[in-house]
C-alpha atoms as a PDB file:
ATOM      1  CA  MET A   1     -52.054 -47.123  17.909  1.00  0.00           C
ATOM      2  CA  SER A   2     -50.746 -45.559  14.702  1.00  0.00           C
ATOM      3  CA  TRP A   3     -47.776 -43.230  14.474  1.00  0.00           C
ATOM      4  CA  GLN A   4     -47.812 -40.055  12.397  1.00  0.00           C
ATOM      5  CA  ILE A   5     -45.178 -40.017   9.642  1.00  0.00           C
ATOM      6  CA  ILE A   6     -43.928 -36.568   8.553  1.00  0.00           C
ATOM      7  CA  PHE A   7     -41.606 -35.978   5.593  1.00  0.00           C
ATOM      8  CA  THR A   8     -39.309 -32.967   5.351  1.00  0.00           C
ATOM      9  CA  LYS A   9     -39.593 -31.079   2.066  1.00  0.00           C
ATOM     10  CA  LYS A  10     -36.336 -32.616   0.899  1.00  0.00           C
ATOM     11  CA  ALA A  11     -37.424 -36.168   1.756  1.00  0.00           C
ATOM     12  CA  GLN A  12     -40.736 -35.570  -0.039  1.00  0.00           C
ATOM     13  CA  LYS A  13     -38.867 -34.418  -3.158  1.00  0.00           C
ATOM     14  CA  GLN A  14     -36.610 -37.451  -2.918  1.00  0.00           C
ATOM     15  CA  ILE A  15     -39.501 -39.908  -2.780  1.00  0.00           C
ATOM     16  CA  ASN A  16     -41.315 -38.110  -5.606  1.00  0.00           C
ATOM     17  CA  SER A  17     -38.228 -38.388  -7.815  1.00  0.00           C
ATOM     18  CA  LEU A  18     -38.171 -42.196  -7.551  1.00  0.00           C
ATOM     19  CA  ASP A  19     -39.742 -44.649  -9.962  1.00  0.00           C
ATOM     20  CA  LYS A  20     -43.463 -45.185  -9.239  1.00  0.00           C
ATOM     21  CA  ALA A  21     -42.929 -48.869  -8.354  1.00  0.00           C
ATOM     22  CA  ILE A  22     -40.266 -47.959  -5.771  1.00  0.00           C
ATOM     23  CA  GLN A  23     -42.455 -45.171  -4.393  1.00  0.00           C
ATOM     24  CA  SER A  24     -45.283 -47.644  -3.961  1.00  0.00           C
ATOM     25  CA  ARG A  25     -43.024 -50.158  -2.225  1.00  0.00           C
ATOM     26  CA  ILE A  26     -41.728 -47.510   0.197  1.00  0.00           C
ATOM     27  CA  LYS A  27     -45.198 -46.164   0.975  1.00  0.00           C
ATOM     28  CA  GLN A  28     -46.515 -49.681   1.572  1.00  0.00           C
ATOM     29  CA  ALA A  29     -43.642 -50.476   3.951  1.00  0.00           C
ATOM     30  CA  ILE A  30     -44.244 -47.232   5.856  1.00  0.00           C
ATOM     31  CA  LEU A  31     -47.946 -47.966   6.269  1.00  0.00           C
ATOM     32  CA  GLU A  32     -47.579 -51.650   7.106  1.00  0.00           C
ATOM     33  CA  LYS A  33     -44.500 -51.479   9.327  1.00  0.00           C
ATOM     34  CA  LEU A  34     -43.263 -48.068  10.386  1.00  0.00           C
ATOM     35  CA  ALA A  35     -46.613 -46.446  11.191  1.00  0.00           C
ATOM     36  CA  ILE A  36     -47.753 -49.467  13.229  1.00  0.00           C
ATOM     37  CA  ASN A  37     -44.673 -50.440  15.257  1.00  0.00           C
ATOM     38  CA  PRO A  38     -41.576 -48.331  14.617  1.00  0.00           C
ATOM     39  CA  ASP A  39     -39.622 -49.834  17.520  1.00  0.00           C
ATOM     40  CA  LEU A  40     -39.585 -53.149  15.699  1.00  0.00           C
ATOM     41  CA  PHE A  41     -38.245 -51.743  12.424  1.00  0.00           C
ATOM     42  CA  LEU A  42     -36.172 -48.639  13.200  1.00  0.00           C
ATOM     43  CA  GLU A  43     -32.462 -49.266  13.714  1.00  0.00           C
ATOM     44  CA  PRO A  44     -30.562 -46.680  15.765  1.00  0.00           C
ATOM     45  CA  LEU A  45     -27.603 -44.920  14.188  1.00  0.00           C
ATOM     46  CA  CYS A  46     -24.346 -44.605  16.139  1.00  0.00           C
ATOM     47  CA  GLY A  47     -21.746 -41.959  16.886  1.00  0.00           C
ATOM     48  CA  GLU A  48     -22.527 -38.389  15.864  1.00  0.00           C
ATOM     49  CA  LEU A  49     -25.792 -39.620  14.388  1.00  0.00           C
ATOM     50  CA  GLY A  50     -26.954 -41.139  17.667  1.00  0.00           C
ATOM     51  CA  GLY A  51     -30.591 -40.325  18.332  1.00  0.00           C
ATOM     52  CA  PHE A  52     -31.500 -40.879  14.687  1.00  0.00           C
ATOM     53  CA  TYR A  53     -32.700 -44.059  13.043  1.00  0.00           C
ATOM     54  CA  LYS A  54     -32.675 -45.857   9.717  1.00  0.00           C
ATOM     55  CA  PHE A  55     -35.572 -47.770   8.230  1.00  0.00           C
ATOM     56  CA  ARG A  56     -34.552 -50.289   5.593  1.00  0.00           C
ATOM     57  CA  ILE A  57     -36.703 -50.954   2.536  1.00  0.00           C
ATOM     58  CA  GLY A  58     -34.724 -53.177   0.196  1.00  0.00           C
ATOM     59  CA  ASP A  59     -31.843 -51.074  -1.145  1.00  0.00           C
ATOM     60  CA  TYR A  60     -33.417 -47.829   0.106  1.00  0.00           C
ATOM     61  CA  ARG A  61     -33.088 -46.159   3.482  1.00  0.00           C
ATOM     62  CA  LEU A  62     -35.220 -43.642   5.321  1.00  0.00           C
ATOM     63  CA  ILE A  63     -33.291 -41.640   7.902  1.00  0.00           C
ATOM     64  CA  CYS A  64     -35.648 -40.647  10.683  1.00  0.00           C
ATOM     65  CA  SER A  65     -36.075 -38.894  13.982  1.00  0.00           C
ATOM     66  CA  LYS A  66     -38.552 -40.347  16.472  1.00  0.00           C
ATOM     67  CA  GLU A  67     -40.615 -38.391  18.998  1.00  0.00           C
ATOM     68  CA  ASN A  68     -42.175 -40.862  21.406  1.00  0.00           C
ATOM     69  CA  GLU A  69     -44.336 -38.332  23.254  1.00  0.00           C
ATOM     70  CA  GLN A  70     -46.141 -37.201  20.096  1.00  0.00           C
ATOM     71  CA  LEU A  71     -46.040 -40.615  18.374  1.00  0.00           C
ATOM     72  CA  THR A  72     -44.318 -38.974  15.421  1.00  0.00           C
ATOM     73  CA  ILE A  73     -41.645 -40.161  12.993  1.00  0.00           C
ATOM     74  CA  ILE A  74     -39.918 -37.430  10.962  1.00  0.00           C
ATOM     75  CA  VAL A  75     -38.312 -38.635   7.727  1.00  0.00           C
ATOM     76  CA  ILE A  76     -35.266 -36.458   7.136  1.00  0.00           C
ATOM     77  CA  GLU A  77     -33.541 -38.161   4.214  1.00  0.00           C
ATOM     78  CA  LEU A  78     -34.428 -40.896   1.759  1.00  0.00           C
ATOM     79  CA  GLY A  79     -32.236 -42.565  -0.794  1.00  0.00           C
ATOM     80  CA  HIS A  80     -30.403 -45.586  -2.108  1.00  0.00           C
ATOM     81  CA  ARG A  81     -28.191 -47.172   0.540  1.00  0.00           C
ATOM     82  CA  ARG A  82     -24.981 -46.405  -1.359  1.00  0.00           C
ATOM     83  CA  GLU A  83     -25.845 -42.681  -1.572  1.00  0.00           C
ATOM     84  CA  VAL A  84     -27.910 -41.782   1.489  1.00  0.00           C
ATOM     85  CA  TYR A  85     -25.008 -41.674   3.945  1.00  0.00           C
ATOM     86  CA  LYS A  86     -22.730 -39.390   1.877  1.00  0.00           C
ATOM     87  CA  TRP A  87     -23.990 -36.083   3.295  1.00  0.00           C
ATOM     88  CA  LEU A  88     -26.030 -37.475   6.158  1.00  0.00           C
ATOM     89  CA  LYS A  89     -24.028 -36.031   9.054  1.00  0.00           C
ATOM     90  CA  TYR A  90     -24.266 -32.522   7.663  1.00  0.00           C
ATOM     91  CA  LEU A  91     -27.952 -32.810   6.771  1.00  0.00           C
ATOM     92  CA  VAL A  92     -28.970 -34.356  10.067  1.00  0.00           C
ATOM     93  CA  GLN A  93     -27.130 -31.765  12.131  1.00  0.00           C
ATOM     94  CA  ARG A  94     -28.590 -28.920  10.059  1.00  0.00           C
ATOM     95  CA  PHE A  95     -32.113 -30.343  10.169  1.00  0.00           C
ATOM     96  CA  PHE A  96     -31.991 -31.113  13.872  1.00  0.00           C
ATOM     97  CA  LEU A  97     -30.806 -27.606  14.726  1.00  0.00           C
ATOM     98  CA  ASN A  98     -33.479 -25.985  12.507  1.00  0.00           C
ATOM     99  CA  PHE A  99     -36.193 -28.290  13.836  1.00  0.00           C
ATOM    100  CA  ARG A 100     -35.306 -27.554  17.465  1.00  0.00           C
ATOM    101  CA  LEU A 101     -35.196 -23.798  16.836  1.00  0.00           C
ATOM    102  CA  LYS A 102     -38.588 -23.908  15.083  1.00  0.00           C
ATOM    103  CA  ARG A 103     -40.089 -25.959  17.906  1.00  0.00           C
ATOM    104  CA  GLN A 104     -38.724 -23.568  20.563  1.00  0.00           C
ATOM    105  CA  SER A 105     -40.191 -20.565  18.761  1.00  0.00           C
ATOM    106  CA  GLN A 106     -43.588 -22.318  18.493  1.00  0.00           C
ATOM    107  CA  THR A 107     -43.580 -23.171  22.203  1.00  0.00           C
ATOM    108  CA  ALA A 108     -42.597 -19.632  23.171  1.00  0.00           C
ATOM    109  CA  SER A 109     -45.532 -18.172  21.211  1.00  0.00           C
END
């Protein structure tokens, strides 16, 4: 059973801005690990970021949300480990609120 991996626009821009070799390494790790068995590789974040996960690929981190019912992983943020956490709380809270509002409007329609 394969999981669907969705990138936010920002995460897609972040991966596209990386060196091609790093992009390839990240994409390979997503296909070989994350899409097959995310529970084995996703590490839960704590505190205010509880409910979100990190996926480690060398010095890079994907910050994700996981929806078990739809078998979907949403990549919110991607970056080098020394940089990715700087604005994470703000970005995650903003994304999560926007995502929930969008989902509610889709369900109401």
